[in-house]
Structures are given as structure tokens and as C-alpha cells.
Amino acid sequence: MRRVLAVYYSQTGQLGDITASTLQPLLDDPDIHVDLVNLKPVESYPFPWPFWRFFDTFPETVYEDYAPIEPTGIDPDVEYDLIILAYQVWFLSPSLPIVAFLNAPEAERLFKGTPVVTLIGCRNMWVMAQERVKEHLKRLGAHHIDNVVLTDDAHSAYTFYSTPIWMLTGNKGPYFGGKVPKAGVPDHEVAAASRFGEAIAAKLPNRERSDNSPMLAGLGAVKINERLIGSEHVAKRSFKAWGWILRKLGKPGTFFRRLVLVVYVVFLVTLILTVVPLLAIIKKLLTPLTRAKVARQKAYFARPSGESTELLGTNET
């Protein structure tokens, strides 16, 4: 009997659906036992987000000042053959409940020497968050063997509108009579995530716990949008700078912090509408000079599972 621990936190419910789809083939396999843990913050994060609560959460998120979570109930004596860590991306960082779990007293015992599959559901920018999660896994002594990312496949211009509206109102759309698509990971992509569970169910019973090779290569586990890599780096630096300032002004909800937060929101919208498109144009113009660098970046961020879809019956990579 192989034992799998699946841990997730889903504020909107979308990641919960992705996790369920991925796990179903494992749950159906009589030779695999799955322990599913839905992390619960002691003080819940509301959904939809209140406008100011949403933005006032970002300084603590980027600096990982996590709030406590409820006890997970994980049996301390169980040794797992695989951990599936499913998380959302908040402000280019892993969500705070996941960070709290990765810093929990039992984390090192659970992760040390254990193969880990990370599973991400987000809008479209995730590489900076994943880099941080990889640092946590390395600190804990885990073996990161696969990464799966499901994103909103609409154009960034549409998701720039649809995602915030969904987060702040709970309305996924579509909007404007269907001209702006429904927010979130498409339903067919959520359903298709079962292919990852099928691959794990087929391979896990015959694997040694020390085997660090990917199980999900060739299944289109990730897709790297090279146009967003530079934007993520710029935005991450901005979040760190503004987050530092806001944390110095006091705790969330305090008057002076809220006052500066207004300035930050204006700055952020201006950055997205001006600097990000400008970076995209510059990057496109420099493509002939940066092609090799971009190829290296794509290969690096696609690890360990890669972008290949060869096992899906296509030559697309």
C-alpha cells in the first residue's frame, strides 16, 4: 500500500476542484491510500475579498508573515511515499496558509526525504512563487520531482479585468455579453488534470521512495509564457519595496498604512498599464539578441516536469 499526503488551501474553491480532479485516479486505486488535508487558517481569509483587505494583505504575503493555521491532524507516525502540495499564488508569492504549513513544526519530518509534486492554480504569473516554494522544499530536505501549473488561458488584457472582479465580487463572469471570458482556469482544464493523477497512480506503486525522477514529463504539466518572466521580476521587486514601507507604517488596517496603501494602489495600476506593456514591447524588440537566454530561462522554470506534451499525442512542446 502506497501512502500519499495531499495538502491544499483553496480560498475561491478553484484549487479545491483542481486538487480533486488530480486525486480522483489515486482515490480509485485500491493500492494507494490518500490523506487529504484542507488547511484552515485560525482567522479565515474572506471570499470575495473586501477591497482594502485584499491589498492590505500583500505586504505580509510577500514577506511571509503568516498567520497560524488550525492543527492539520496528520498522523506524526506515518511515512508518506509522496506529498502533493497544491497552492494558490498571492502577489507572486505562495498563499499565506501554505507558507504557514511549510513552517509548521511537523513540516521537516513530513517532507524530509519525501518526493513532492507541486500543483498550482492561478491567473498566469507563478514562477516567482514557485521559486520561493522550491526554497522551502530544499530547506525541508524534500525531493521536488514534479510541478503542475493550470492557468487562466484568456488573454492577459482580459484577465487583468476578470480576475480582480472575481476576487472582489465573487462573480466569475463572463462579462460584457461574453466579450471578456469567464475568469479562472477553464473547466475542461480542471477536468483534464485527472491525467496527472492517472500517471501517478500508474507509476507510484513501482517506484522507490528515493527515486527523484519526474512522473509527469510529457503530459504538458507546465507552459512557460516567456513574455511574463521579466514582468514578474519587476513586479516582485516592487512588491518587496512597497511591502517594506507599508509594514513599517503599522499593522493591517491602521490609518497611516491605509493612507499610503491608496497611493500604492494607484501606483500598481499605473505600473500594470504602462511599464508592463513597455517591457513586453522592449522584450519583443530584443528577441533576436535574447533568444538563447530566453530558451535557458524557459527550460529552467519548466523543470522538473517540463513543457513537453509528447505523451498527449502531439509533437507540440
Protein backbone atom coordinates (compact mmCIF):
# COMPACT_ATOMS: atom_id res chain seq x y z
CA MET A 1 0.00 0.00 0.00
CA ARG A 2 1.42 3.36 -1.05
CA ARG A 3 0.52 6.40 1.03
CA VAL A 4 0.01 9.87 -0.44
CA LEU A 5 -0.47 13.10 1.50
CA ALA A 6 -2.27 15.86 -0.41
CA VAL A 7 -2.29 19.31 1.20
CA TYR A 8 -4.08 22.34 -0.19
CA TYR A 9 -5.69 25.66 0.65
CA SER A 10 -8.35 26.98 -1.70
CA GLN A 11 -9.90 30.35 -0.95
CA THR A 12 -12.13 30.50 -4.04
CA GLY A 13 -12.75 26.77 -4.42
CA GLN A 14 -10.97 26.56 -7.78
CA LEU A 15 -7.83 24.92 -6.40
CA GLY A 16 -10.01 22.52 -4.47
CA ASP A 17 -11.59 21.41 -7.76
CA ILE A 18 -8.16 21.06 -9.41
CA THR A 19 -6.89 19.02 -6.47
CA ALA A 20 -9.97 16.78 -6.52
CA SER A 21 -9.61 16.15 -10.26
CA THR A 22 -5.93 15.29 -9.87
CA LEU A 23 -6.52 12.99 -6.93
CA GLN A 24 -9.52 11.04 -8.24
CA PRO A 25 -7.47 8.32 -10.01
CA LEU A 26 -5.46 7.86 -6.81
CA LEU A 27 -8.61 7.60 -4.71
CA ASP A 28 -9.94 4.98 -7.12
CA ASP A 29 -6.81 2.83 -6.81
CA PRO A 30 -7.12 0.20 -4.05
CA ASP A 31 -3.33 0.04 -3.68
CA ILE A 32 -2.99 3.75 -2.86
CA HIS A 33 -4.16 5.43 0.33
CA VAL A 34 -4.66 9.22 0.18
CA ASP A 35 -4.79 11.54 3.17
CA LEU A 36 -6.31 14.84 2.07
CA VAL A 37 -5.72 17.93 4.22
CA ASN A 38 -7.56 21.19 3.59
CA LEU A 39 -5.64 23.83 5.51
CA LYS A 40 -7.78 26.10 7.67
CA PRO A 41 -6.44 29.44 8.91
CA VAL A 42 -7.35 30.25 12.50
CA GLU A 43 -8.73 33.55 11.19
CA SER A 44 -10.23 32.84 7.78
CA TYR A 45 -9.50 34.87 4.67
CA PRO A 46 -12.82 36.09 3.25
CA PHE A 47 -14.02 35.42 -0.25
CA PRO A 48 -14.87 37.57 -2.04
CA TRP A 49 -12.12 39.81 -0.74
CA PRO A 50 -13.12 43.19 0.70
CA PHE A 51 -11.26 45.73 -1.46
CA TRP A 52 -8.91 47.15 1.16
CA ARG A 53 -8.40 43.81 2.92
CA PHE A 54 -7.20 42.38 -0.40
CA PHE A 55 -4.47 44.99 -0.91
CA ASP A 56 -3.65 45.26 2.78
CA THR A 57 -2.74 41.56 2.79
CA PHE A 58 0.05 41.91 0.24
CA PRO A 59 2.88 43.21 2.50
CA GLU A 60 2.56 40.25 4.84
CA THR A 61 2.24 37.89 1.87
CA VAL A 62 5.44 38.95 0.12
CA TYR A 63 7.36 38.93 3.43
CA GLU A 64 5.71 35.65 4.51
CA ASP A 65 4.40 36.98 7.81
CA TYR A 66 1.98 34.11 8.01
CA ALA A 67 -0.93 33.77 10.43
CA PRO A 68 -1.48 30.49 12.31
CA ILE A 69 -3.47 27.62 10.84
CA GLU A 70 -5.58 25.02 12.62
CA PRO A 71 -3.88 21.72 13.52
CA THR A 72 -3.73 19.53 10.42
CA GLY A 73 -4.49 16.25 12.15
CA ILE A 74 -1.72 14.50 10.20
CA ASP A 75 -0.55 11.31 11.93
CA PRO A 76 3.03 12.01 13.06
CA ASP A 77 3.97 8.34 12.75
CA VAL A 78 3.05 7.92 9.06
CA GLU A 79 5.78 7.96 6.43
CA TYR A 80 4.39 9.06 3.06
CA ASP A 81 5.59 7.86 -0.31
CA LEU A 82 4.52 11.11 -1.96
CA ILE A 83 3.30 14.58 -0.96
CA ILE A 84 1.15 16.64 -3.32
CA LEU A 85 1.35 20.29 -2.31
CA ALA A 86 -1.36 22.36 -4.01
CA TYR A 87 -1.25 26.13 -3.64
CA GLN A 88 -2.57 29.45 -4.90
CA VAL A 89 -0.38 32.40 -5.87
CA TRP A 90 -0.95 35.62 -3.93
CA PHE A 91 1.01 38.67 -5.12
CA LEU A 92 3.61 36.47 -6.86
CA SER A 93 4.10 34.53 -3.62
CA PRO A 94 2.70 31.29 -2.22
CA SER A 95 -0.50 31.89 -0.25
CA LEU A 96 -0.03 32.51 3.46
CA PRO A 97 -1.77 29.31 4.67
CA ILE A 98 0.64 27.23 2.56
CA VAL A 99 3.60 29.19 3.94
CA ALA A 100 2.28 28.53 7.45
CA PHE A 101 2.16 24.80 6.70
CA LEU A 102 5.69 24.80 5.28
CA ASN A 103 6.85 26.39 8.54
CA ALA A 104 4.80 24.14 10.84
CA PRO A 105 6.65 22.05 13.46
CA GLU A 106 5.79 18.81 11.64
CA ALA A 107 6.89 20.05 8.21
CA GLU A 108 10.50 18.91 8.33
CA ARG A 109 9.55 15.43 9.49
CA LEU A 110 6.91 15.10 6.77
CA PHE A 111 8.98 16.48 3.89
CA LYS A 112 12.49 15.26 4.70
CA GLY A 113 13.49 12.71 2.05
CA THR A 114 9.94 12.63 0.60
CA PRO A 115 9.12 13.09 -3.11
CA VAL A 116 6.91 16.17 -3.64
CA VAL A 117 4.64 17.20 -6.51
CA THR A 118 3.63 20.87 -6.50
CA LEU A 119 0.27 21.78 -8.03
CA ILE A 120 -0.56 25.41 -8.84
CA GLY A 121 -3.80 27.04 -9.93
CA CYS A 122 -3.51 30.76 -10.74
CA ARG A 123 -4.11 33.56 -13.24
CA ASN A 124 -0.88 33.44 -15.26
CA MET A 125 2.14 34.56 -13.19
CA TRP A 126 3.60 31.87 -10.97
CA VAL A 127 7.35 31.42 -11.48
CA MET A 128 8.42 33.72 -8.62
CA ALA A 129 6.05 31.97 -6.21
CA GLN A 130 7.35 28.59 -7.32
CA GLU A 131 10.95 29.68 -6.80
CA ARG A 132 10.07 30.51 -3.21
CA VAL A 133 8.29 27.18 -2.67
CA LYS A 134 11.33 25.38 -4.06
CA GLU A 135 13.48 27.15 -1.48
CA HIS A 136 11.18 25.94 1.28
CA LEU A 137 11.26 22.38 -0.03
CA LYS A 138 15.04 22.44 -0.22
CA ARG A 139 15.22 23.74 3.35
CA LEU A 140 12.96 20.91 4.49
CA GLY A 141 15.02 18.27 2.69
CA ALA A 142 12.24 17.25 0.28
CA HIS A 143 12.74 15.89 -3.24
CA HIS A 144 10.80 18.07 -5.69
CA ILE A 145 10.04 15.69 -8.54
CA ASP A 146 7.18 17.36 -10.47
CA ASN A 147 5.36 20.65 -10.92
CA VAL A 148 1.91 21.11 -12.48
CA VAL A 149 0.52 24.54 -13.32
CA LEU A 150 -3.01 25.32 -14.50
CA THR A 151 -3.71 28.91 -15.52
CA ASP A 152 -6.42 31.10 -16.99
CA ASP A 153 -5.90 30.74 -20.75
CA ALA A 154 -7.59 34.04 -21.70
CA HIS A 155 -5.53 36.96 -22.99
CA SER A 156 -3.76 38.93 -20.25
CA ALA A 157 -5.75 42.03 -21.16
CA TYR A 158 -8.96 40.18 -20.36
CA THR A 159 -7.68 38.55 -17.16
CA PHE A 160 -6.44 41.95 -15.94
CA TYR A 161 -10.15 42.79 -15.66
CA SER A 162 -11.80 39.44 -14.98
CA THR A 163 -9.54 38.16 -12.20
CA PRO A 164 -9.81 41.22 -9.89
CA ILE A 165 -13.57 41.38 -10.44
CA TRP A 166 -13.84 37.71 -9.48
CA MET A 167 -11.66 38.19 -6.41
CA LEU A 168 -13.55 41.28 -5.21
CA THR A 169 -17.13 40.31 -6.08
CA GLY A 170 -17.19 36.52 -6.43
CA ASN A 171 -18.59 36.88 -9.97
CA LYS A 172 -16.56 34.77 -12.43
CA GLY A 173 -18.34 36.14 -15.48
CA PRO A 174 -18.26 36.03 -18.44
CA TYR A 175 -18.55 39.79 -18.76
CA PHE A 176 -19.82 42.28 -21.33
CA GLY A 177 -22.01 39.75 -23.07
CA GLY A 178 -19.22 37.20 -23.34
CA LYS A 179 -16.61 39.54 -24.81
CA VAL A 180 -14.48 39.05 -21.70
CA PRO A 181 -14.26 35.32 -20.89
CA LYS A 182 -15.11 33.70 -17.60
CA ALA A 183 -12.35 34.15 -15.03
CA GLY A 184 -10.22 31.31 -13.76
CA VAL A 185 -8.83 28.04 -15.05
CA PRO A 186 -11.21 26.69 -17.72
CA ASP A 187 -13.47 23.85 -16.61
CA HIS A 188 -12.10 21.49 -19.26
CA GLU A 189 -8.56 22.08 -17.99
CA VAL A 190 -9.67 21.33 -14.43
CA ALA A 191 -11.24 18.07 -15.60
CA ALA A 192 -8.15 17.19 -17.67
CA ALA A 193 -5.95 17.46 -14.56
CA SER A 194 -7.00 13.87 -13.87
CA ARG A 195 -4.30 12.80 -16.34
CA PHE A 196 -1.68 13.70 -13.75
CA GLY A 197 -3.37 11.53 -11.16
CA GLU A 198 -3.57 8.68 -13.66
CA ALA A 199 0.17 8.92 -14.33
CA ILE A 200 0.97 8.98 -10.61
CA ALA A 201 -1.33 6.02 -9.93
CA ALA A 202 0.35 4.03 -12.72
CA LYS A 203 3.93 4.77 -11.63
CA LEU A 204 3.90 5.21 -7.87
CA PRO A 205 3.42 1.52 -6.90
CA ASN A 206 6.60 0.56 -8.75
CA ARG A 207 8.81 3.43 -7.58
CA GLU A 208 11.35 3.52 -4.82
CA ARG A 209 10.88 6.36 -2.37
CA SER A 210 14.38 7.53 -3.23
CA ASP A 211 13.54 7.85 -6.96
CA ASN A 212 13.71 11.56 -7.80
CA SER A 213 12.85 11.33 -11.48
CA PRO A 214 9.69 13.10 -12.74
CA MET A 215 6.49 11.12 -13.13
CA LEU A 216 4.62 13.72 -15.20
CA ALA A 217 7.03 14.54 -18.03
CA GLY A 218 5.40 14.61 -21.46
CA LEU A 219 1.96 15.48 -20.11
CA GLY A 220 2.06 19.24 -20.63
CA ALA A 221 2.46 19.88 -16.90
CA VAL A 222 3.56 23.50 -17.37
CA LYS A 223 3.59 26.11 -20.08
CA ILE A 224 6.04 28.98 -19.79
CA ASN A 225 4.99 32.39 -21.09
CA GLU A 226 8.39 33.96 -21.67
CA ARG A 227 6.80 37.41 -22.05
CA LEU A 228 5.86 37.38 -18.37
CA ILE A 229 9.19 36.36 -16.86
CA GLY A 230 10.67 39.88 -16.93
CA SER A 231 7.40 41.36 -15.69
CA GLU A 232 7.39 39.01 -12.73
CA HIS A 233 10.90 40.07 -11.73
CA VAL A 234 9.95 43.76 -11.90
CA ALA A 235 6.68 43.27 -10.04
CA LYS A 236 8.33 41.16 -7.33
CA ARG A 237 10.90 43.88 -6.62
CA SER A 238 8.09 46.45 -6.49
CA PHE A 239 6.07 44.32 -4.07
CA LYS A 240 9.09 43.92 -1.79
CA ALA A 241 9.82 47.66 -1.75
CA TRP A 242 6.24 48.78 -1.13
CA GLY A 243 5.65 45.92 1.28
CA TRP A 244 8.62 47.03 3.37
CA ILE A 245 7.26 50.59 3.54
CA LEU A 246 3.74 49.51 4.45
CA ARG A 247 4.90 47.11 7.16
CA LYS A 248 6.92 49.93 8.73
CA LEU A 249 3.75 52.05 8.93
CA GLY A 250 1.91 49.63 11.17
CA LYS A 251 -0.29 46.58 11.19
CA PRO A 252 -3.01 45.90 8.60
CA GLY A 253 -5.92 48.30 8.89
CA THR A 254 -4.09 51.14 10.66
CA PHE A 255 -4.74 54.69 9.45
CA PHE A 256 -1.34 55.71 8.04
CA ARG A 257 -0.83 52.35 6.41
CA ARG A 258 -4.24 52.60 4.75
CA LEU A 259 -3.41 56.13 3.55
CA VAL A 260 -0.18 55.01 1.86
CA LEU A 261 -1.99 51.95 0.54
CA VAL A 262 -4.17 54.28 -1.55
CA VAL A 263 -1.01 55.65 -3.16
CA TYR A 264 0.25 52.13 -3.73
CA VAL A 265 -2.95 51.01 -5.49
CA VAL A 266 -2.68 53.97 -7.88
CA PHE A 267 0.99 53.14 -8.45
CA LEU A 268 0.23 49.47 -9.09
CA VAL A 269 -2.48 50.17 -11.66
CA THR A 270 -0.20 52.68 -13.39
CA LEU A 271 2.64 50.15 -13.41
CA ILE A 272 0.47 47.47 -14.96
CA LEU A 273 -0.96 49.80 -17.60
CA THR A 274 2.33 51.43 -18.60
CA VAL A 275 5.55 49.71 -17.50
CA VAL A 276 4.44 46.12 -18.08
CA PRO A 277 3.33 46.71 -21.72
CA LEU A 278 6.50 48.73 -22.32
CA LEU A 279 8.64 45.88 -21.04
CA ALA A 280 6.78 43.50 -23.32
CA ILE A 281 7.49 45.70 -26.34
CA ILE A 282 11.16 46.09 -25.45
CA LYS A 283 11.48 42.35 -24.88
CA LYS A 284 9.94 41.64 -28.28
CA LEU A 285 12.31 44.07 -30.00
CA LEU A 286 15.28 42.43 -28.31
CA THR A 287 14.15 38.89 -29.13
CA PRO A 288 16.87 38.25 -31.74
CA LEU A 289 19.52 39.17 -29.15
CA THR A 290 18.00 37.34 -26.21
CA ARG A 291 16.69 34.15 -27.83
CA ALA A 292 19.31 31.92 -26.22
CA LYS A 293 18.82 33.48 -22.78
CA VAL A 294 15.04 33.14 -23.01
CA ALA A 295 15.39 29.49 -24.03
CA ARG A 296 17.52 28.86 -20.94
CA GLN A 297 15.01 30.64 -18.74
CA LYS A 298 12.10 28.65 -20.14
CA ALA A 299 13.94 25.37 -19.66
CA TYR A 300 14.84 26.29 -16.09
CA PHE A 301 11.37 27.42 -14.98
CA ALA A 302 9.72 24.43 -16.70
CA ARG A 303 11.65 21.98 -14.52
CA PRO A 304 11.22 19.33 -13.29
CA SER A 305 8.22 18.18 -15.35
CA GLY A 306 8.83 20.24 -18.48
CA GLU A 307 6.57 21.64 -21.20
CA SER A 308 6.58 18.59 -23.44
CA THR A 309 3.20 17.19 -24.48
CA GLU A 310 4.56 14.16 -26.33
CA LEU A 311 2.56 11.69 -24.24
CA LEU A 312 -0.64 13.54 -25.15
CA GLY A 313 -0.28 12.51 -28.77
CA THR A 314 1.13 15.77 -30.08
CA ASN A 315 4.55 16.99 -31.11
CA GLU A 316 3.96 20.38 -29.54
CA THR A 317 6.49 21.33 -26.86
